[in-house]
Amino acid sequence: MTQSNSVSGNGAGAARGLWSSRLAFILAATGSAVGLGNIWKFPYVTGENGGGAFVLVYLLCIAVIGIPIMMAEVFIGRNGRHNPITSMRLVAERNLSSPGWRISAIIGMIAAFVILSFYSVIGGWAASYVGHAAMGDFTGGTAESIGDLFGNLLASPGQLLLWHTLFMALVILVVSRGLKSGLERAVTILMPALFVLLLVAVGYATTTGHFGEAVSFLFTPNFGALSINGVLIALGHAFFTLSLGMAIMMAYGSYLGRDISIGRTAVSVALMDTVVALLAGLAIFPVVFANGLEASAGPGLIFQTLPLAFGNMPMGSLFGTLFFVLLLFAAWTSGISLLEPVVEWVEEKTSMARSGSAILVGVLCWALGIASILSLNVWADITPLAMFERFEGKTIFDLLDFFTANVLLPLSGLLTAVFVGWFVARESLKKDLALEGGAFTLWYNLIRFATPIAVAVVFVYNLTA
């Protein structure tokens, strides 16, 4: 990226690097969107909530929440051509609105920074399991021995710190190199590699004899199993899966060329993200069912159930290694996108170069991550908000996760939708988004009415559930 230190308010666009193509932006945005949630959460909640029925509702939710907010965030970034906070302020001022709307970007950037601090710890787990799989540590394993492997990792602050440091260093390395030789080069290598690994994993899953069972679990529409709760889960996941509310799409949008359609690009990212999540399900569940194991969600599925399956299957070490490399790539591309908005802001607001900004922000984020590491072992009994029944038993790690996912992200997304829908001139949006008449009217009505209401529902549900 061309250096944009101390960029003045007017000519920023010309001084910035741009994505070299629409594909580069799609790969970067998909890399951000495809993360651990696609692999350990989406396939499971799909199977539990009516399979194909849930997928249909989820795609509708993506259309109502995900795509409209992604387009709004990219619009702000491309229109402002600065870091998310400055872009938000500039777009507000150009539309004669209060610069106070930049609070949306501030909340998003705080969320991205905090999320990366504990996401890096989990990324470190994936990195350590690449080694375990390659060394054959799962081979012939029992539920107890595999459980001990994970338990011992969580109980060791030293091991966790080592892997957290390695993961954060990988993220800083890419972001410090700027747009062209950092972000773009990384995603154009990592994302195709991730897709290839995923297809290889699905290919392997077809040999287990339980592929049909997994297809049925994921795709057979069972509307009877789809409750109101399932619809709310679909709404929530549609919001979180696309990396919304974290100022990421504002940052990435600030590098997007004027000739690229924001609408078509957002739809492409949403579809690719969903395809990856479904392919992950087709890769994971045949392996789980073939070993008579329980399909579950969360870290347990990835770090306990699957290693047990790999350890008792032909070519399990090879397939296990490929799987954890895939998981590491998914976490890495998400980690890169979480660091970028804050680094872009520091680079523009100080005299520091891109590399110095990336190292400073990355090290601060790494330091915050140590609190999450210690809350898994030494500080496991420290529950700062235990006086509130709702937060009883929640460690620092749990609280950081809860407040970012349930407060900061929906709040940032809601403010962005209201701002763009109600305080940006309709003609400005129409010109910049370059949507055909009917498509623009649909998007405009969604971002003004349906999207904010849906995000508000998710917000209230998550706080009261």
Protein backbone atom coordinates (compact mmCIF):
# COMPACT_ATOMS: atom_id res chain seq x y z
CA MET A 1 0.00 0.00 0.00
CA THR A 2 1.26 3.47 -0.76
CA GLN A 3 2.02 5.21 2.51
CA SER A 4 -0.82 7.45 3.62
CA ASN A 5 0.67 8.93 6.77
CA SER A 6 -0.89 12.19 7.88
CA VAL A 7 -3.20 12.21 4.86
CA SER A 8 -5.22 15.39 4.55
CA GLY A 9 -9.02 15.29 4.35
CA ASN A 10 -9.41 15.91 0.64
CA GLY A 11 -7.00 14.03 -1.52
CA ALA A 12 -6.78 10.70 0.26
CA GLY A 13 -8.25 8.62 -2.52
CA ALA A 14 -5.45 9.32 -4.95
CA ALA A 15 -2.76 8.59 -2.35
CA ARG A 16 -4.07 5.14 -1.38
CA GLY A 17 -3.36 1.75 -2.80
CA LEU A 18 -6.36 -0.05 -4.31
CA TRP A 19 -7.24 -3.72 -4.64
CA SER A 20 -5.90 -4.81 -8.02
CA SER A 21 -9.23 -6.42 -8.99
CA ARG A 22 -12.74 -7.25 -7.86
CA LEU A 23 -11.58 -10.82 -7.24
CA ALA A 24 -8.85 -9.62 -4.84
CA PHE A 25 -11.46 -7.75 -2.77
CA ILE A 26 -13.86 -10.74 -2.83
CA LEU A 27 -11.09 -13.08 -1.65
CA ALA A 28 -10.10 -10.67 1.13
CA ALA A 29 -13.69 -10.11 2.28
CA THR A 30 -14.44 -13.85 2.08
CA GLY A 31 -11.22 -14.56 3.98
CA SER A 32 -12.44 -12.23 6.70
CA ALA A 33 -15.92 -13.77 6.74
CA VAL A 34 -14.76 -17.41 6.66
CA GLY A 35 -13.52 -18.15 10.15
CA LEU A 36 -13.81 -20.63 12.96
CA GLY A 37 -17.60 -20.07 13.24
CA ASN A 38 -18.14 -21.45 9.72
CA ILE A 39 -16.41 -24.65 10.70
CA TRP A 40 -17.42 -25.28 14.28
CA LYS A 41 -20.81 -23.60 14.54
CA PHE A 42 -22.71 -23.29 11.27
CA PRO A 43 -22.82 -26.98 10.21
CA TYR A 44 -24.02 -28.01 13.66
CA VAL A 45 -26.76 -25.39 14.08
CA THR A 46 -27.92 -26.23 10.55
CA GLY A 47 -28.33 -29.91 11.37
CA GLU A 48 -29.99 -29.19 14.72
CA ASN A 49 -32.50 -26.67 13.36
CA GLY A 50 -34.14 -28.40 10.45
CA GLY A 51 -31.31 -28.86 7.91
CA GLY A 52 -32.42 -27.53 4.55
CA ALA A 53 -35.20 -25.51 6.22
CA PHE A 54 -32.59 -23.67 8.33
CA VAL A 55 -30.38 -23.05 5.26
CA LEU A 56 -33.33 -21.46 3.42
CA VAL A 57 -34.17 -19.22 6.39
CA TYR A 58 -30.48 -18.40 6.86
CA LEU A 59 -30.11 -17.34 3.20
CA LEU A 60 -33.17 -15.12 3.63
CA CYS A 61 -31.54 -13.60 6.74
CA ILE A 62 -28.31 -13.02 4.78
CA ALA A 63 -30.40 -11.14 2.21
CA VAL A 64 -32.20 -9.06 4.87
CA ILE A 65 -29.31 -8.36 7.29
CA GLY A 66 -25.94 -9.48 5.94
CA ILE A 67 -25.81 -8.12 2.40
CA PRO A 68 -27.48 -4.73 3.12
CA ILE A 69 -25.12 -3.92 6.04
CA MET A 70 -22.07 -5.17 4.16
CA MET A 71 -22.98 -2.87 1.26
CA ALA A 72 -23.48 0.03 3.70
CA GLU A 73 -20.08 -0.55 5.35
CA VAL A 74 -18.25 -0.89 2.02
CA PHE A 75 -20.03 2.27 0.77
CA ILE A 76 -18.76 4.25 3.80
CA GLY A 77 -15.20 2.97 3.30
CA ARG A 78 -15.09 3.65 -0.44
CA ASN A 79 -16.76 7.04 -0.08
CA GLY A 80 -14.48 8.16 2.75
CA ARG A 81 -11.21 6.65 1.43
CA HIS A 82 -9.73 6.77 4.95
CA ASN A 83 -9.66 4.66 8.08
CA PRO A 84 -13.18 3.70 9.29
CA ILE A 85 -13.53 6.49 11.89
CA THR A 86 -12.44 9.26 9.50
CA SER A 87 -14.49 7.78 6.63
CA MET A 88 -17.60 7.74 8.82
CA ARG A 89 -17.02 11.37 9.85
CA LEU A 90 -16.41 12.52 6.27
CA VAL A 91 -19.52 10.78 4.90
CA ALA A 92 -21.59 12.29 7.74
CA GLU A 93 -20.25 15.81 7.09
CA ARG A 94 -20.82 15.53 3.33
CA ASN A 95 -24.43 14.66 4.09
CA LEU A 96 -24.82 17.52 6.59
CA SER A 97 -25.11 15.05 9.49
CA SER A 98 -23.39 15.00 12.86
CA PRO A 99 -19.77 13.76 12.87
CA GLY A 100 -20.84 11.97 16.05
CA TRP A 101 -22.00 9.09 13.82
CA ARG A 102 -18.36 7.98 13.79
CA ILE A 103 -19.19 6.29 17.12
CA SER A 104 -20.36 3.35 14.97
CA ALA A 105 -16.85 2.90 13.55
CA ILE A 106 -15.24 3.47 16.97
CA ILE A 107 -17.39 0.73 18.52
CA GLY A 108 -16.57 -1.57 15.57
CA MET A 109 -12.83 -1.00 15.87
CA ILE A 110 -12.84 -1.59 19.63
CA ALA A 111 -14.73 -4.85 18.96
CA ALA A 112 -12.23 -5.93 16.27
CA PHE A 113 -9.27 -5.24 18.59
CA VAL A 114 -10.79 -7.11 21.56
CA ILE A 115 -11.98 -10.05 19.42
CA LEU A 116 -8.52 -10.48 17.89
CA SER A 117 -6.98 -10.65 21.38
CA PHE A 118 -8.85 -13.90 22.17
CA TYR A 119 -9.28 -15.11 18.57
CA SER A 120 -5.49 -15.29 18.40
CA VAL A 121 -5.49 -17.63 21.40
CA ILE A 122 -7.91 -19.97 19.60
CA GLY A 123 -5.89 -19.59 16.36
CA GLY A 124 -2.95 -20.79 18.44
CA TRP A 125 -4.88 -23.93 19.37
CA ALA A 126 -5.33 -24.67 15.65
CA ALA A 127 -1.59 -24.13 15.03
CA SER A 128 -0.65 -26.50 17.86
CA TYR A 129 -3.03 -29.18 16.53
CA VAL A 130 -1.36 -29.09 13.10
CA GLY A 131 1.73 -30.37 14.92
CA HIS A 132 -0.20 -32.95 16.96
CA ALA A 133 -1.88 -34.35 13.83
CA ALA A 134 1.35 -34.44 11.82
CA MET A 135 3.22 -36.22 14.65
CA GLY A 136 0.51 -38.90 14.85
CA ASP A 137 -0.55 -37.92 18.38
CA PHE A 138 -4.19 -38.78 17.61
CA THR A 139 -3.44 -42.29 16.30
CA GLY A 140 -5.31 -44.93 18.28
CA GLY A 141 -6.46 -42.28 20.72
CA THR A 142 -9.31 -42.79 23.15
CA ALA A 143 -11.84 -40.16 24.23
CA GLU A 144 -9.84 -39.85 27.45
CA SER A 145 -6.41 -39.44 25.82
CA ILE A 146 -7.68 -36.91 23.26
CA GLY A 147 -9.50 -35.05 26.04
CA ASP A 148 -6.27 -34.97 28.06
CA LEU A 149 -4.39 -33.53 25.07
CA PHE A 150 -6.80 -30.59 24.89
CA GLY A 151 -7.02 -30.26 28.67
CA ASN A 152 -3.24 -30.16 29.03
CA LEU A 153 -2.98 -27.45 26.37
CA LEU A 154 -5.55 -25.26 28.16
CA ALA A 155 -3.90 -25.88 31.53
CA SER A 156 -0.48 -24.70 30.31
CA PRO A 157 -0.06 -20.89 30.18
CA GLY A 158 3.40 -21.37 28.65
CA GLN A 159 2.18 -23.50 25.73
CA LEU A 160 -0.79 -21.22 25.10
CA LEU A 161 1.45 -18.14 25.16
CA LEU A 162 3.84 -19.72 22.67
CA TRP A 163 1.07 -20.53 20.15
CA HIS A 164 -0.74 -17.20 20.74
CA THR A 165 2.56 -15.39 20.03
CA LEU A 166 3.16 -17.41 16.86
CA PHE A 167 -0.36 -16.76 15.54
CA MET A 168 -0.22 -13.02 16.28
CA ALA A 169 3.21 -12.82 14.62
CA LEU A 170 1.73 -14.38 11.44
CA VAL A 171 -1.06 -11.77 11.45
CA ILE A 172 1.31 -8.83 12.09
CA LEU A 173 3.67 -10.09 9.36
CA VAL A 174 0.95 -9.84 6.68
CA VAL A 175 -0.66 -6.58 7.83
CA SER A 176 2.72 -4.83 8.23
CA ARG A 177 3.46 -5.37 4.53
CA GLY A 178 0.53 -3.19 3.47
CA LEU A 179 -2.20 -3.75 0.90
CA LYS A 180 -0.52 -5.17 -2.22
CA SER A 181 2.37 -7.18 -0.84
CA GLY A 182 0.62 -8.00 2.45
CA LEU A 183 -3.16 -8.42 2.49
CA GLU A 184 -3.71 -9.04 -1.20
CA ARG A 185 -0.81 -11.45 -1.65
CA ALA A 186 -1.82 -13.40 1.46
CA VAL A 187 -5.50 -13.83 0.51
CA THR A 188 -4.74 -14.74 -3.12
CA ILE A 189 -2.61 -17.62 -1.80
CA LEU A 190 -4.49 -18.63 1.36
CA MET A 191 -8.09 -18.54 0.09
CA PRO A 192 -7.59 -20.78 -2.99
CA ALA A 193 -5.52 -23.09 -0.76
CA LEU A 194 -8.36 -23.17 1.78
CA PHE A 195 -10.89 -24.08 -0.93
CA VAL A 196 -8.63 -26.85 -2.28
CA LEU A 197 -8.07 -28.28 1.21
CA LEU A 198 -11.81 -28.14 1.86
CA LEU A 199 -12.59 -30.02 -1.37
CA VAL A 200 -9.94 -32.63 -0.53
CA ALA A 201 -11.53 -32.98 2.92
CA VAL A 202 -14.99 -33.44 1.38
CA GLY A 203 -13.53 -35.98 -1.06
CA TYR A 204 -12.07 -37.93 1.86
CA ALA A 205 -15.41 -37.73 3.70
CA THR A 206 -17.15 -39.46 0.76
CA THR A 207 -15.06 -42.57 1.49
CA THR A 208 -16.33 -42.99 5.06
CA GLY A 209 -19.62 -44.65 4.10
CA HIS A 210 -21.61 -42.02 5.98
CA PHE A 211 -21.63 -39.21 3.43
CA GLY A 212 -25.32 -39.72 2.65
CA GLU A 213 -26.18 -39.45 6.34
CA ALA A 214 -24.32 -36.11 6.53
CA VAL A 215 -26.08 -34.81 3.40
CA SER A 216 -29.40 -35.76 4.96
CA PHE A 217 -28.47 -34.13 8.31
CA LEU A 218 -27.48 -30.87 6.60
CA PHE A 219 -29.93 -30.53 3.74
CA THR A 220 -33.19 -32.43 4.33
CA PRO A 221 -35.69 -29.65 5.01
CA ASN A 222 -37.46 -30.35 8.27
CA PHE A 223 -39.64 -27.34 8.99
CA GLY A 224 -40.97 -29.11 12.09
CA ALA A 225 -37.51 -28.86 13.68
CA LEU A 226 -37.23 -25.15 12.90
CA SER A 227 -38.42 -23.21 15.95
CA ILE A 228 -38.64 -19.45 16.53
CA ASN A 229 -35.36 -19.89 18.39
CA GLY A 230 -33.86 -21.45 15.24
CA VAL A 231 -34.95 -18.45 13.17
CA LEU A 232 -33.29 -16.11 15.70
CA ILE A 233 -30.10 -18.20 15.54
CA ALA A 234 -30.19 -17.86 11.72
CA LEU A 235 -30.65 -14.08 12.06
CA GLY A 236 -27.76 -13.80 14.49
CA HIS A 237 -25.41 -15.99 12.48
CA ALA A 238 -26.24 -14.11 9.25
CA PHE A 239 -24.98 -10.96 10.98
CA PHE A 240 -21.85 -12.38 12.62
CA THR A 241 -20.62 -14.61 9.81
CA LEU A 242 -19.95 -11.76 7.36
CA SER A 243 -17.60 -9.87 9.72
CA LEU A 244 -20.09 -7.03 10.15
CA GLY A 245 -20.02 -4.47 12.94
CA MET A 246 -16.22 -4.62 13.22
CA ALA A 247 -15.32 -1.80 10.78
CA ILE A 248 -13.55 -4.43 8.64
CA MET A 249 -15.65 -3.90 5.53
CA MET A 250 -15.19 -0.11 5.93
CA ALA A 251 -11.41 -0.60 6.00
CA TYR A 252 -11.43 -3.03 3.06
CA GLY A 253 -13.93 -0.83 1.18
CA SER A 254 -11.56 2.15 1.46
CA TYR A 255 -9.26 0.33 -0.99
CA LEU A 256 -12.03 -0.58 -3.48
CA GLY A 257 -11.97 0.92 -6.97
CA ARG A 258 -14.88 3.09 -8.13
CA ASP A 259 -15.57 0.83 -11.12
CA ILE A 260 -16.44 -2.20 -8.97
CA SER A 261 -20.09 -2.95 -8.11
CA ILE A 262 -20.58 -3.02 -4.33
CA GLY A 263 -23.88 -4.93 -4.64
CA ARG A 264 -22.66 -7.80 -6.84
CA THR A 265 -19.48 -8.06 -4.78
CA ALA A 266 -21.37 -8.29 -1.47
CA VAL A 267 -23.63 -11.05 -2.86
CA SER A 268 -20.55 -12.98 -4.07
CA VAL A 269 -18.92 -12.79 -0.63
CA ALA A 270 -22.12 -13.92 1.14
CA LEU A 271 -22.53 -16.90 -1.22
CA MET A 272 -18.88 -17.97 -0.91
CA ASP A 273 -19.06 -17.74 2.88
CA THR A 274 -22.19 -19.95 2.91
CA VAL A 275 -20.69 -22.48 0.48
CA VAL A 276 -17.58 -22.81 2.70
CA ALA A 277 -19.75 -23.37 5.78
CA LEU A 278 -21.81 -26.09 4.06
CA LEU A 279 -18.72 -27.77 2.59
CA ALA A 280 -17.21 -27.77 6.10
CA GLY A 281 -20.30 -29.65 7.28
CA LEU A 282 -19.92 -32.19 4.45
CA ALA A 283 -16.26 -32.65 5.43
CA ILE A 284 -16.85 -32.96 9.17
CA PHE A 285 -20.08 -34.89 9.75
CA PRO A 286 -19.35 -38.05 7.70
CA VAL A 287 -16.20 -38.43 9.83
CA VAL A 288 -18.16 -37.85 13.04
CA PHE A 289 -20.98 -40.27 12.09
CA ALA A 290 -18.56 -42.94 10.82
CA ASN A 291 -17.08 -43.11 14.31
CA GLY A 292 -20.43 -43.15 16.09
CA LEU A 293 -19.66 -39.82 17.75
CA GLU A 294 -22.03 -37.02 18.76
CA ALA A 295 -22.31 -34.03 16.44
CA SER A 296 -21.79 -30.97 18.63
CA ALA A 297 -20.91 -27.31 18.23
CA GLY A 298 -17.98 -25.26 19.42
CA PRO A 299 -14.38 -26.04 20.30
CA GLY A 300 -15.33 -29.53 21.50
CA LEU A 301 -16.26 -30.60 17.96
CA ILE A 302 -12.95 -29.43 16.49
CA PHE A 303 -10.46 -30.15 19.24
CA GLN A 304 -11.91 -33.30 20.80
CA THR A 305 -14.50 -35.08 18.62
CA LEU A 306 -12.65 -34.80 15.30
CA PRO A 307 -9.14 -35.73 16.59
CA LEU A 308 -10.70 -38.85 18.15
CA ALA A 309 -12.18 -39.72 14.74
CA PHE A 310 -8.93 -38.98 12.86
CA GLY A 311 -7.00 -41.16 15.29
CA ASN A 312 -9.08 -44.21 14.41
CA MET A 313 -9.37 -43.85 10.62
CA PRO A 314 -7.20 -44.88 7.67
CA MET A 315 -4.93 -41.98 6.64
CA GLY A 316 -6.22 -40.15 9.71
CA SER A 317 -2.91 -38.42 10.45
CA LEU A 318 -2.67 -37.02 6.92
CA PHE A 319 -6.31 -35.95 6.81
CA GLY A 320 -6.11 -34.53 10.34
CA THR A 321 -3.05 -32.46 9.41
CA LEU A 322 -4.79 -31.11 6.27
CA PHE A 323 -7.88 -30.27 8.31
CA PHE A 324 -5.99 -28.28 10.96
CA VAL A 325 -3.96 -26.47 8.29
CA LEU A 326 -7.33 -25.51 6.73
CA LEU A 327 -8.57 -24.33 10.14
CA LEU A 328 -5.37 -22.32 10.67
CA PHE A 329 -5.75 -20.63 7.26
CA ALA A 330 -9.37 -19.71 8.04
CA ALA A 331 -8.35 -18.24 11.39
CA TRP A 332 -5.33 -16.43 9.87
CA THR A 333 -7.30 -14.62 7.14
CA SER A 334 -9.87 -13.55 9.76
CA GLY A 335 -7.10 -12.40 12.10
CA ILE A 336 -5.57 -10.26 9.33
CA SER A 337 -8.90 -8.52 8.75
CA LEU A 338 -9.42 -7.87 12.49
CA LEU A 339 -6.05 -6.10 12.79
CA GLU A 340 -6.37 -4.01 9.61
CA PRO A 341 -8.96 -1.34 10.68
CA VAL A 342 -7.02 -0.27 13.80
CA VAL A 343 -3.67 -0.32 11.98
CA GLU A 344 -5.12 1.79 9.16
CA TRP A 345 -6.31 4.31 11.77
CA VAL A 346 -2.95 4.46 13.64
CA GLU A 347 -1.05 4.80 10.35
CA GLU A 348 -3.18 7.75 9.24
CA LYS A 349 -3.31 9.49 12.63
CA THR A 350 0.38 9.28 13.54
CA SER A 351 3.71 9.69 11.79
CA MET A 352 4.32 5.93 12.07
CA ALA A 353 4.86 3.84 8.95
CA ARG A 354 2.63 0.86 8.15
CA SER A 355 5.08 -1.67 9.65
CA GLY A 356 5.45 0.26 12.93
CA SER A 357 1.67 0.73 13.20
CA ALA A 358 1.06 -3.01 12.67
CA ILE A 359 3.67 -3.99 15.26
CA LEU A 360 2.37 -1.49 17.86
CA VAL A 361 -1.30 -2.49 17.51
CA GLY A 362 -0.43 -6.18 17.23
CA VAL A 363 1.72 -6.18 20.38
CA LEU A 364 -0.99 -4.35 22.38
CA CYS A 365 -3.57 -6.87 21.14
CA TRP A 366 -1.20 -9.74 22.00
CA ALA A 367 -0.79 -8.34 25.54
CA LEU A 368 -4.58 -8.20 26.04
CA GLY A 369 -4.73 -11.83 24.85
CA ILE A 370 -2.63 -12.88 27.85
CA ALA A 371 -5.67 -12.17 30.07
CA SER A 372 -7.68 -14.69 28.02
CA ILE A 373 -4.87 -17.25 28.29
CA LEU A 374 -4.68 -16.92 32.08
CA SER A 375 -8.47 -17.11 32.43
CA LEU A 376 -8.25 -20.66 31.03
CA ASN A 377 -6.00 -21.81 33.89
CA VAL A 378 -4.37 -19.60 36.56
CA TRP A 379 -7.26 -17.09 36.63
CA ALA A 380 -10.00 -19.67 35.97
CA ASP A 381 -11.67 -18.80 39.29
CA ILE A 382 -11.67 -15.05 38.60
CA THR A 383 -15.18 -14.06 37.51
CA PRO A 384 -15.22 -10.23 37.59
CA LEU A 385 -19.00 -9.83 37.14
CA ALA A 386 -20.13 -12.76 39.30
CA MET A 387 -22.27 -10.37 41.39
CA PHE A 388 -24.71 -10.37 38.44
CA GLU A 389 -26.55 -13.67 38.07
CA ARG A 390 -26.30 -13.45 34.27
CA PHE A 391 -22.49 -13.46 34.40
CA GLU A 392 -22.01 -15.97 37.19
CA GLY A 393 -19.11 -18.29 36.38
CA LYS A 394 -18.00 -16.26 33.34
CA THR A 395 -14.22 -15.82 33.13
CA ILE A 396 -12.45 -12.85 31.51
CA PHE A 397 -12.33 -14.84 28.22
CA ASP A 398 -16.09 -15.52 28.44
CA LEU A 399 -16.90 -11.87 29.21
CA LEU A 400 -14.80 -10.50 26.34
CA ASP A 401 -16.56 -12.94 23.99
CA PHE A 402 -20.01 -12.10 25.38
CA PHE A 403 -19.72 -8.30 25.25
CA THR A 404 -18.17 -8.15 21.79
CA ALA A 405 -20.64 -10.59 20.19
CA ASN A 406 -23.78 -9.49 22.02
CA VAL A 407 -23.27 -5.76 22.58
CA LEU A 408 -20.57 -4.14 20.43
CA LEU A 409 -21.12 -5.87 17.08
CA PRO A 410 -24.93 -5.53 16.87
CA LEU A 411 -24.73 -1.95 18.19
CA SER A 412 -22.19 -0.95 15.53
CA GLY A 413 -24.21 -2.71 12.80
CA LEU A 414 -27.46 -1.09 13.95
CA LEU A 415 -25.95 2.42 14.01
CA THR A 416 -24.43 1.90 10.55
CA ALA A 417 -27.77 0.74 9.09
CA VAL A 418 -29.67 3.69 10.62
CA PHE A 419 -27.01 6.19 9.52
CA VAL A 420 -26.83 5.02 5.90
CA GLY A 421 -30.56 4.42 5.61
CA TRP A 422 -31.76 7.69 7.13
CA PHE A 423 -28.91 10.24 7.11
CA VAL A 424 -27.14 9.72 3.76
CA ALA A 425 -28.70 11.35 0.69
CA ARG A 426 -30.61 8.82 -1.42
CA GLU A 427 -29.04 10.17 -4.64
CA SER A 428 -25.53 9.80 -3.23
CA LEU A 429 -26.25 6.14 -2.41
CA LYS A 430 -27.86 5.50 -5.78
CA LYS A 431 -24.89 6.96 -7.64
CA ASP A 432 -22.23 5.16 -5.59
CA LEU A 433 -23.90 1.74 -5.33
CA ALA A 434 -24.77 1.76 -9.06
CA LEU A 435 -27.68 -0.66 -8.59
CA GLU A 436 -30.43 -1.03 -11.17
CA GLY A 437 -33.73 0.72 -10.26
CA GLY A 438 -35.59 -2.18 -8.67
CA ALA A 439 -32.52 -3.56 -6.90
CA PHE A 440 -31.69 -0.15 -5.40
CA THR A 441 -35.26 0.37 -4.15
CA LEU A 442 -35.21 -3.08 -2.52
CA TRP A 443 -31.85 -2.47 -0.83
CA TYR A 444 -32.85 1.05 0.27
CA ASN A 445 -36.05 -0.17 1.92
CA LEU A 446 -34.20 -3.04 3.60
CA ILE A 447 -31.45 -0.80 5.06
CA ARG A 448 -34.07 1.71 6.30
CA PHE A 449 -36.64 -0.67 7.78
CA ALA A 450 -36.13 -4.45 7.76
CA THR A 451 -32.38 -4.54 8.50
CA PRO A 452 -32.36 -2.27 11.60
CA ILE A 453 -35.42 -4.06 13.01
CA ALA A 454 -33.82 -7.49 12.46
CA VAL A 455 -30.52 -6.41 14.07
CA ALA A 456 -32.43 -4.88 17.00
CA VAL A 457 -34.29 -8.17 17.47
CA VAL A 458 -30.96 -10.10 17.53
CA PHE A 459 -29.53 -7.53 19.95
CA VAL A 460 -32.43 -7.80 22.42
CA TYR A 461 -32.69 -11.60 22.06
CA ASN A 462 -28.97 -12.12 22.78
CA LEU A 463 -29.08 -9.88 25.85
CA THR A 464 -32.21 -11.51 27.30
CA ALA A 465 -31.86 -15.16 26.20
